[in-house]
């Protein structure tokens, strides 16, 4: 399950998030103050669920996109141009 591919990879500052595990590790490697924010806790919980049950993958992707957008890590317009 940990090798489960994301439907489309995320790229942030040269880091490619290709699998569910990549996304989970990315979130866990954020500074503690970011990880403590509700939107990052929700994203981490969603990816933890997706690791156990692939049906949660879409919810996890939405949570990741939302958390990255809220922290201005990605431009929301980028999500629609791919």
PDB file of N, CA and C in Angstrom:
ATOM      1  N   UNK A   1       0.809  -1.199   0.000  1.00  0.00           N
ATOM      2  CA  UNK A   1       0.000   0.000   0.000  1.00  0.00           C
ATOM      3  C   UNK A   1       0.853   1.263   0.000  1.00  0.00           C
ATOM      4  N   UNK A   2       2.030   1.211   0.630  1.00  0.00           N
ATOM      5  CA  UNK A   2       2.839   2.407   0.743  1.00  0.00           C
ATOM      6  C   UNK A   2       3.366   2.879  -0.607  1.00  0.00           C
ATOM      7  N   UNK A   3       3.406   1.999  -1.603  1.00  0.00           N
ATOM      8  CA  UNK A   3       3.862   2.405  -2.930  1.00  0.00           C
ATOM      9  C   UNK A   3       2.721   2.949  -3.774  1.00  0.00           C
ATOM     10  N   UNK A   4       1.541   3.128  -3.178  1.00  0.00           N
ATOM     11  CA  UNK A   4       0.388   3.592  -3.931  1.00  0.00           C
ATOM     12  C   UNK A   4       0.709   4.955  -4.552  1.00  0.00           C
ATOM     13  N   UNK A   5       0.584   5.018  -5.870  1.00  0.00           N
ATOM     14  CA  UNK A   5       0.904   6.244  -6.583  1.00  0.00           C
ATOM     15  C   UNK A   5      -0.208   7.271  -6.445  1.00  0.00           C
ATOM     16  N   UNK A   6       0.192   8.531  -6.354  1.00  0.00           N
ATOM     17  CA  UNK A   6      -0.776   9.621  -6.413  1.00  0.00           C
ATOM     18  C   UNK A   6      -1.230   9.743  -7.862  1.00  0.00           C
ATOM     19  N   UNK A   7      -2.454  10.170  -8.119  1.00  0.00           N
ATOM     20  CA  UNK A   7      -2.935  10.310  -9.497  1.00  0.00           C
ATOM     21  C   UNK A   7      -2.056  11.234 -10.336  1.00  0.00           C
ATOM     22  N   UNK A   8      -1.549  12.279  -9.727  1.00  0.00           N
ATOM     23  CA  UNK A   8      -0.574  13.142 -10.394  1.00  0.00           C
ATOM     24  C   UNK A   8       0.387  13.628  -9.318  1.00  0.00           C
ATOM     25  N   UNK A   9       1.684  13.611  -9.625  1.00  0.00           N
ATOM     26  CA  UNK A   9       2.672  13.985  -8.604  1.00  0.00           C
ATOM     27  C   UNK A   9       2.577  15.465  -8.237  1.00  0.00           C
ATOM     28  N   UNK A  10       2.885  15.754  -6.982  1.00  0.00           N
ATOM     29  CA  UNK A  10       3.037  17.129  -6.525  1.00  0.00           C
ATOM     30  C   UNK A  10       4.519  17.444  -6.584  1.00  0.00           C
ATOM     31  N   UNK A  11       4.861  18.646  -6.981  1.00  0.00           N
ATOM     32  CA  UNK A  11       6.251  19.082  -6.952  1.00  0.00           C
ATOM     33  C   UNK A  11       6.292  20.362  -6.132  1.00  0.00           C
ATOM     34  N   UNK A  12       7.128  20.364  -5.108  1.00  0.00           N
ATOM     35  CA  UNK A  12       7.276  21.539  -4.260  1.00  0.00           C
ATOM     36  C   UNK A  12       8.752  21.706  -3.935  1.00  0.00           C
ATOM     37  N   UNK A  13       9.310  22.837  -4.319  1.00  0.00           N
ATOM     38  CA  UNK A  13      10.719  23.154  -4.092  1.00  0.00           C
ATOM     39  C   UNK A  13      11.628  21.994  -4.484  1.00  0.00           C
ATOM     40  N   UNK A  14      11.397  21.455  -5.654  1.00  0.00           N
ATOM     41  CA  UNK A  14      12.228  20.384  -6.175  1.00  0.00           C
ATOM     42  C   UNK A  14      11.921  19.004  -5.623  1.00  0.00           C
ATOM     43  N   UNK A  15      11.031  18.915  -4.646  1.00  0.00           N
ATOM     44  CA  UNK A  15      10.657  17.609  -4.087  1.00  0.00           C
ATOM     45  C   UNK A  15       9.454  17.097  -4.844  1.00  0.00           C
ATOM     46  N   UNK A  16       9.549  15.861  -5.316  1.00  0.00           N
ATOM     47  CA  UNK A  16       8.421  15.233  -6.015  1.00  0.00           C
ATOM     48  C   UNK A  16       7.723  14.293  -5.053  1.00  0.00           C
ATOM     49  N   UNK A  17       6.443  14.536  -4.870  1.00  0.00           N
ATOM     50  CA  UNK A  17       5.615  13.640  -4.075  1.00  0.00           C
ATOM     51  C   UNK A  17       4.870  12.757  -5.060  1.00  0.00           C
ATOM     52  N   UNK A  18       5.290  11.514  -5.150  1.00  0.00           N
ATOM     53  CA  UNK A  18       4.768  10.595  -6.153  1.00  0.00           C
ATOM     54  C   UNK A  18       3.855   9.542  -5.539  1.00  0.00           C
ATOM     55  N   UNK A  19       4.137   9.158  -4.304  1.00  0.00           N
ATOM     56  CA  UNK A  19       3.356   8.109  -3.652  1.00  0.00           C
ATOM     57  C   UNK A  19       2.663   8.665  -2.402  1.00  0.00           C
ATOM     58  N   UNK A  20       1.747   7.882  -1.876  1.00  0.00           N
ATOM     59  CA  UNK A  20       1.077   8.250  -0.628  1.00  0.00           C
ATOM     60  C   UNK A  20       2.108   8.369   0.488  1.00  0.00           C
ATOM     61  N   UNK A  21       3.064   7.475   0.503  1.00  0.00           N
ATOM     62  CA  UNK A  21       4.107   7.533   1.527  1.00  0.00           C
ATOM     63  C   UNK A  21       4.929   8.819   1.396  1.00  0.00           C
ATOM     64  N   UNK A  22       5.256   9.235   0.165  1.00  0.00           N
ATOM     65  CA  UNK A  22       5.980  10.494  -0.047  1.00  0.00           C
ATOM     66  C   UNK A  22       5.229  11.662   0.580  1.00  0.00           C
ATOM     67  N   UNK A  23       3.927  11.711   0.358  1.00  0.00           N
ATOM     68  CA  UNK A  23       3.107  12.799   0.890  1.00  0.00           C
ATOM     69  C   UNK A  23       3.085  12.759   2.415  1.00  0.00           C
ATOM     70  N   UNK A  24       2.963  11.575   2.978  1.00  0.00           N
ATOM     71  CA  UNK A  24       2.958  11.439   4.441  1.00  0.00           C
ATOM     72  C   UNK A  24       4.288  11.898   5.035  1.00  0.00           C
ATOM     73  N   UNK A  25       5.389  11.494   4.420  1.00  0.00           N
ATOM     74  CA  UNK A  25       6.712  11.887   4.899  1.00  0.00           C
ATOM     75  C   UNK A  25       6.902  13.400   4.762  1.00  0.00           C
ATOM     76  N   UNK A  26       6.430  13.976   3.657  1.00  0.00           N
ATOM     77  CA  UNK A  26       6.508  15.426   3.465  1.00  0.00           C
ATOM     78  C   UNK A  26       5.826  16.141   4.627  1.00  0.00           C
ATOM     79  N   UNK A  27       4.627  15.700   4.986  1.00  0.00           N
ATOM     80  CA  UNK A  27       3.880  16.332   6.070  1.00  0.00           C
ATOM     81  C   UNK A  27       4.621  16.151   7.396  1.00  0.00           C
ATOM     82  N   UNK A  28       5.129  14.959   7.648  1.00  0.00           N
ATOM     83  CA  UNK A  28       5.834  14.701   8.908  1.00  0.00           C
ATOM     84  C   UNK A  28       7.130  15.494   9.025  1.00  0.00           C
ATOM     85  N   UNK A  29       7.719  15.881   7.896  1.00  0.00           N
ATOM     86  CA  UNK A  29       8.964  16.638   7.917  1.00  0.00           C
ATOM     87  C   UNK A  29       8.756  18.148   7.969  1.00  0.00           C
ATOM     88  N   UNK A  30       7.513  18.597   8.004  1.00  0.00           N
ATOM     89  CA  UNK A  30       7.242  20.024   8.157  1.00  0.00           C
ATOM     90  C   UNK A  30       7.666  20.458   9.559  1.00  0.00           C
ATOM     91  N   UNK A  31       7.990  21.742   9.719  1.00  0.00           N
ATOM     92  CA  UNK A  31       8.288  22.227  11.074  1.00  0.00           C
ATOM     93  C   UNK A  31       7.094  21.976  12.005  1.00  0.00           C
ATOM     94  N   UNK A  32       7.393  21.746  13.268  1.00  0.00           N
ATOM     95  CA  UNK A  32       6.357  21.400  14.244  1.00  0.00           C
ATOM     96  C   UNK A  32       5.213  22.407  14.256  1.00  0.00           C
ATOM     97  N   UNK A  33       5.517  23.700  14.161  1.00  0.00           N
ATOM     98  CA  UNK A  33       4.436  24.700  14.222  1.00  0.00           C
ATOM     99  C   UNK A  33       3.478  24.558  13.046  1.00  0.00           C
ATOM    100  N   UNK A  34       3.985  24.159  11.878  1.00  0.00           N
ATOM    101  CA  UNK A  34       3.090  23.920  10.740  1.00  0.00           C
ATOM    102  C   UNK A  34       2.280  22.651  10.969  1.00  0.00           C
ATOM    103  N   UNK A  35       2.962  21.587  11.402  1.00  0.00           N
ATOM    104  CA  UNK A  35       2.259  20.315  11.617  1.00  0.00           C
ATOM    105  C   UNK A  35       1.154  20.432  12.652  1.00  0.00           C
ATOM    106  N   UNK A  36       1.299  21.369  13.583  1.00  0.00           N
ATOM    107  CA  UNK A  36       0.282  21.558  14.617  1.00  0.00           C
ATOM    108  C   UNK A  36      -0.965  22.259  14.094  1.00  0.00           C
ATOM    109  N   UNK A  37      -0.880  22.896  12.945  1.00  0.00           N
ATOM    110  CA  UNK A  37      -2.048  23.581  12.381  1.00  0.00           C
ATOM    111  C   UNK A  37      -3.096  22.548  11.986  1.00  0.00           C
ATOM    112  N   UNK A  38      -4.348  22.903  12.192  1.00  0.00           N
ATOM    113  CA  UNK A  38      -5.449  21.968  11.946  1.00  0.00           C
ATOM    114  C   UNK A  38      -5.439  21.424  10.520  1.00  0.00           C
ATOM    115  N   UNK A  39      -5.163  22.280   9.529  1.00  0.00           N
ATOM    116  CA  UNK A  39      -5.219  21.803   8.144  1.00  0.00           C
ATOM    117  C   UNK A  39      -4.125  20.777   7.853  1.00  0.00           C
ATOM    118  N   UNK A  40      -2.964  20.897   8.497  1.00  0.00           N
ATOM    119  CA  UNK A  40      -1.919  19.886   8.289  1.00  0.00           C
ATOM    120  C   UNK A  40      -2.229  18.618   9.064  1.00  0.00           C
ATOM    121  N   UNK A  41      -2.827  18.749  10.244  1.00  0.00           N
ATOM    122  CA  UNK A  41      -3.226  17.549  10.990  1.00  0.00           C
ATOM    123  C   UNK A  41      -4.279  16.774  10.212  1.00  0.00           C
ATOM    124  N   UNK A  42      -5.203  17.502   9.584  1.00  0.00           N
ATOM    125  CA  UNK A  42      -6.241  16.839   8.782  1.00  0.00           C
ATOM    126  C   UNK A  42      -5.627  16.142   7.572  1.00  0.00           C
ATOM    127  N   UNK A  43      -4.667  16.800   6.923  1.00  0.00           N
ATOM    128  CA  UNK A  43      -4.011  16.186   5.759  1.00  0.00           C
ATOM    129  C   UNK A  43      -3.258  14.927   6.170  1.00  0.00           C
ATOM    130  N   UNK A  44      -2.549  14.997   7.282  1.00  0.00           N
ATOM    131  CA  UNK A  44      -1.808  13.812   7.745  1.00  0.00           C
ATOM    132  C   UNK A  44      -2.764  12.672   8.087  1.00  0.00           C
ATOM    133  N   UNK A  45      -3.852  12.998   8.765  1.00  0.00           N
ATOM    134  CA  UNK A  45      -4.835  11.960   9.106  1.00  0.00           C
ATOM    135  C   UNK A  45      -5.420  11.335   7.841  1.00  0.00           C
ATOM    136  N   UNK A  46      -5.699  12.161   6.845  1.00  0.00           N
ATOM    137  CA  UNK A  46      -6.269  11.648   5.594  1.00  0.00           C
ATOM    138  C   UNK A  46      -5.287  10.716   4.892  1.00  0.00           C
ATOM    139  N   UNK A  47      -3.996  11.069   4.869  1.00  0.00           N
ATOM    140  CA  UNK A  47      -3.019  10.187   4.229  1.00  0.00           C
ATOM    141  C   UNK A  47      -2.785   8.929   5.047  1.00  0.00           C
ATOM    142  N   UNK A  48      -2.875   9.022   6.353  1.00  0.00           N
ATOM    143  CA  UNK A  48      -2.766   7.817   7.183  1.00  0.00           C
ATOM    144  C   UNK A  48      -3.905   6.855   6.851  1.00  0.00           C
ATOM    145  N   UNK A  49      -5.105   7.404   6.679  1.00  0.00           N
ATOM    146  CA  UNK A  49      -6.245   6.567   6.289  1.00  0.00           C
ATOM    147  C   UNK A  49      -6.053   5.990   4.894  1.00  0.00           C
ATOM    148  N   UNK A  50      -5.517   6.801   3.970  1.00  0.00           N
ATOM    149  CA  UNK A  50      -5.308   6.340   2.592  1.00  0.00           C
ATOM    150  C   UNK A  50      -4.282   5.216   2.533  1.00  0.00           C
ATOM    151  N   UNK A  51      -3.312   5.238   3.446  1.00  0.00           N
ATOM    152  CA  UNK A  51      -2.338   4.139   3.485  1.00  0.00           C
ATOM    153  C   UNK A  51      -3.010   2.816   3.822  1.00  0.00           C
ATOM    154  N   UNK A  52      -4.054   2.881   4.643  1.00  0.00           N
ATOM    155  CA  UNK A  52      -4.763   1.666   5.051  1.00  0.00           C
ATOM    156  C   UNK A  52      -5.903   1.318   4.110  1.00  0.00           C
ATOM    157  N   UNK A  53      -6.524   2.345   3.523  1.00  0.00           N
ATOM    158  CA  UNK A  53      -7.690   2.128   2.660  1.00  0.00           C
ATOM    159  C   UNK A  53      -7.623   3.091   1.475  1.00  0.00           C
ATOM    160  N   UNK A  54      -7.289   2.569   0.286  1.00  0.00           N
ATOM    161  CA  UNK A  54      -7.130   3.415  -0.895  1.00  0.00           C
ATOM    162  C   UNK A  54      -8.346   4.282  -1.246  1.00  0.00           C
ATOM    163  N   UNK A  55      -9.519   3.923  -0.761  1.00  0.00           N
ATOM    164  CA  UNK A  55     -10.713   4.718  -1.059  1.00  0.00           C
ATOM    165  C   UNK A  55     -10.605   6.136  -0.505  1.00  0.00           C
ATOM    166  N   UNK A  56      -9.707   6.358   0.461  1.00  0.00           N
ATOM    167  CA  UNK A  56      -9.537   7.680   1.057  1.00  0.00           C
ATOM    168  C   UNK A  56      -8.540   8.559   0.300  1.00  0.00           C
ATOM    169  N   UNK A  57      -7.985   8.054  -0.782  1.00  0.00           N
ATOM    170  CA  UNK A  57      -6.937   8.800  -1.482  1.00  0.00           C
ATOM    171  C   UNK A  57      -7.415  10.160  -1.987  1.00  0.00           C
ATOM    172  N   UNK A  58      -8.580  10.226  -2.591  1.00  0.00           N
ATOM    173  CA  UNK A  58      -9.058  11.516  -3.108  1.00  0.00           C
ATOM    174  C   UNK A  58      -9.248  12.527  -1.984  1.00  0.00           C
ATOM    175  N   UNK A  59      -9.782  12.107  -0.855  1.00  0.00           N
ATOM    176  CA  UNK A  59      -9.943  13.013   0.281  1.00  0.00           C
ATOM    177  C   UNK A  59      -8.580  13.489   0.780  1.00  0.00           C
ATOM    178  N   UNK A  60      -7.600  12.592   0.780  1.00  0.00           N
ATOM    179  CA  UNK A  60      -6.251  12.958   1.216  1.00  0.00           C
ATOM    180  C   UNK A  60      -5.633  13.989   0.270  1.00  0.00           C
ATOM    181  N   UNK A  61      -5.842  13.819  -1.022  1.00  0.00           N
ATOM    182  CA  UNK A  61      -5.305  14.778  -1.987  1.00  0.00           C
ATOM    183  C   UNK A  61      -5.936  16.152  -1.816  1.00  0.00           C
ATOM    184  N   UNK A  62      -7.232  16.181  -1.589  1.00  0.00           N
ATOM    185  CA  UNK A  62      -7.914  17.459  -1.359  1.00  0.00           C
ATOM    186  C   UNK A  62      -7.372  18.111  -0.085  1.00  0.00           C
ATOM    187  N   UNK A  63      -7.185  17.329   0.957  1.00  0.00           N
ATOM    188  CA  UNK A  63      -6.656  17.865   2.213  1.00  0.00           C
ATOM    189  C   UNK A  63      -5.244  18.418   2.026  1.00  0.00           C
ATOM    190  N   UNK A  64      -4.415  17.719   1.245  1.00  0.00           N
ATOM    191  CA  UNK A  64      -3.053  18.195   0.980  1.00  0.00           C
ATOM    192  C   UNK A  64      -3.084  19.489   0.176  1.00  0.00           C
ATOM    193  N   UNK A  65      -3.897  19.529  -0.872  1.00  0.00           N
ATOM    194  CA  UNK A  65      -4.002  20.744  -1.683  1.00  0.00           C
ATOM    195  C   UNK A  65      -4.494  21.916  -0.836  1.00  0.00           C
ATOM    196  N   UNK A  66      -5.459  21.677   0.014  1.00  0.00           N
ATOM    197  CA  UNK A  66      -5.982  22.736   0.876  1.00  0.00           C
ATOM    198  C   UNK A  66      -4.908  23.228   1.841  1.00  0.00           C
ATOM    199  N   UNK A  67      -4.213  22.316   2.502  1.00  0.00           N
ATOM    200  CA  UNK A  67      -3.178  22.703   3.456  1.00  0.00           C
ATOM    201  C   UNK A  67      -2.066  23.493   2.761  1.00  0.00           C
ATOM    202  N   UNK A  68      -1.641  23.032   1.590  1.00  0.00           N
ATOM    203  CA  UNK A  68      -0.584  23.739   0.860  1.00  0.00           C
ATOM    204  C   UNK A  68      -1.064  25.118   0.418  1.00  0.00           C
ATOM    205  N   UNK A  69      -2.310  25.225   0.009  1.00  0.00           N
ATOM    206  CA  UNK A  69      -2.857  26.510  -0.410  1.00  0.00           C
ATOM    207  C   UNK A  69      -2.980  27.457   0.779  1.00  0.00           C
ATOM    208  N   UNK A  70      -3.484  26.954   1.906  1.00  0.00           N
ATOM    209  CA  UNK A  70      -3.639  27.799   3.086  1.00  0.00           C
ATOM    210  C   UNK A  70      -2.312  28.339   3.587  1.00  0.00           C
ATOM    211  N   UNK A  71      -1.252  27.573   3.440  1.00  0.00           N
ATOM    212  CA  UNK A  71       0.074  28.029   3.852  1.00  0.00           C
ATOM    213  C   UNK A  71       0.831  28.704   2.713  1.00  0.00           C
ATOM    214  N   UNK A  72       0.138  28.966   1.615  1.00  0.00           N
ATOM    215  CA  UNK A  72       0.729  29.640   0.448  1.00  0.00           C
ATOM    216  C   UNK A  72       1.960  28.898  -0.078  1.00  0.00           C
ATOM    217  N   UNK A  73       1.927  27.579   0.017  1.00  0.00           N
ATOM    218  CA  UNK A  73       3.017  26.786  -0.544  1.00  0.00           C
ATOM    219  C   UNK A  73       2.814  26.554  -2.030  1.00  0.00           C
ATOM    220  N   UNK A  74       1.566  26.623  -2.468  1.00  0.00           N
ATOM    221  CA  UNK A  74       1.268  26.511  -3.890  1.00  0.00           C
ATOM    222  C   UNK A  74       0.227  27.550  -4.249  1.00  0.00           C
ATOM    223  N   UNK A  75       0.235  27.947  -5.484  1.00  0.00           N
ATOM    224  CA  UNK A  75      -0.749  28.887  -6.012  1.00  0.00           C
ATOM    225  C   UNK A  75      -1.981  28.078  -6.394  1.00  0.00           C
ATOM    226  N   UNK A  76      -3.173  28.439  -5.904  1.00  0.00           N
ATOM    227  CA  UNK A  76      -4.372  27.666  -6.238  1.00  0.00           C
ATOM    228  C   UNK A  76      -4.606  27.544  -7.732  1.00  0.00           C
ATOM    229  N   UNK A  77      -4.162  28.515  -8.519  1.00  0.00           N
ATOM    230  CA  UNK A  77      -4.327  28.451  -9.970  1.00  0.00           C
ATOM    231  C   UNK A  77      -3.554  27.310 -10.602  1.00  0.00           C
ATOM    232  N   UNK A  78      -2.463  26.880  -9.960  1.00  0.00           N
ATOM    233  CA  UNK A  78      -1.649  25.781 -10.487  1.00  0.00           C
ATOM    234  C   UNK A  78      -2.436  24.487 -10.484  1.00  0.00           C
ATOM    235  N   UNK A  79      -3.320  24.319  -9.510  1.00  0.00           N
ATOM    236  CA  UNK A  79      -4.066  23.071  -9.388  1.00  0.00           C
ATOM    237  C   UNK A  79      -4.999  22.854 -10.570  1.00  0.00           C
ATOM    238  N   UNK A  80      -5.519  23.927 -11.138  1.00  0.00           N
ATOM    239  CA  UNK A  80      -6.465  23.793 -12.241  1.00  0.00           C
ATOM    240  C   UNK A  80      -5.816  23.790 -13.618  1.00  0.00           C
ATOM    241  N   UNK A  81      -4.532  24.104 -13.670  1.00  0.00           N
ATOM    242  CA  UNK A  81      -3.876  24.191 -14.978  1.00  0.00           C
ATOM    243  C   UNK A  81      -3.254  22.882 -15.411  1.00  0.00           C
ATOM    244  N   UNK A  82      -3.188  21.909 -14.521  1.00  0.00           N
ATOM    245  CA  UNK A  82      -2.526  20.640 -14.862  1.00  0.00           C
ATOM    246  C   UNK A  82      -3.401  19.744 -15.682  1.00  0.00           C
TER     247      UNK A  82
END
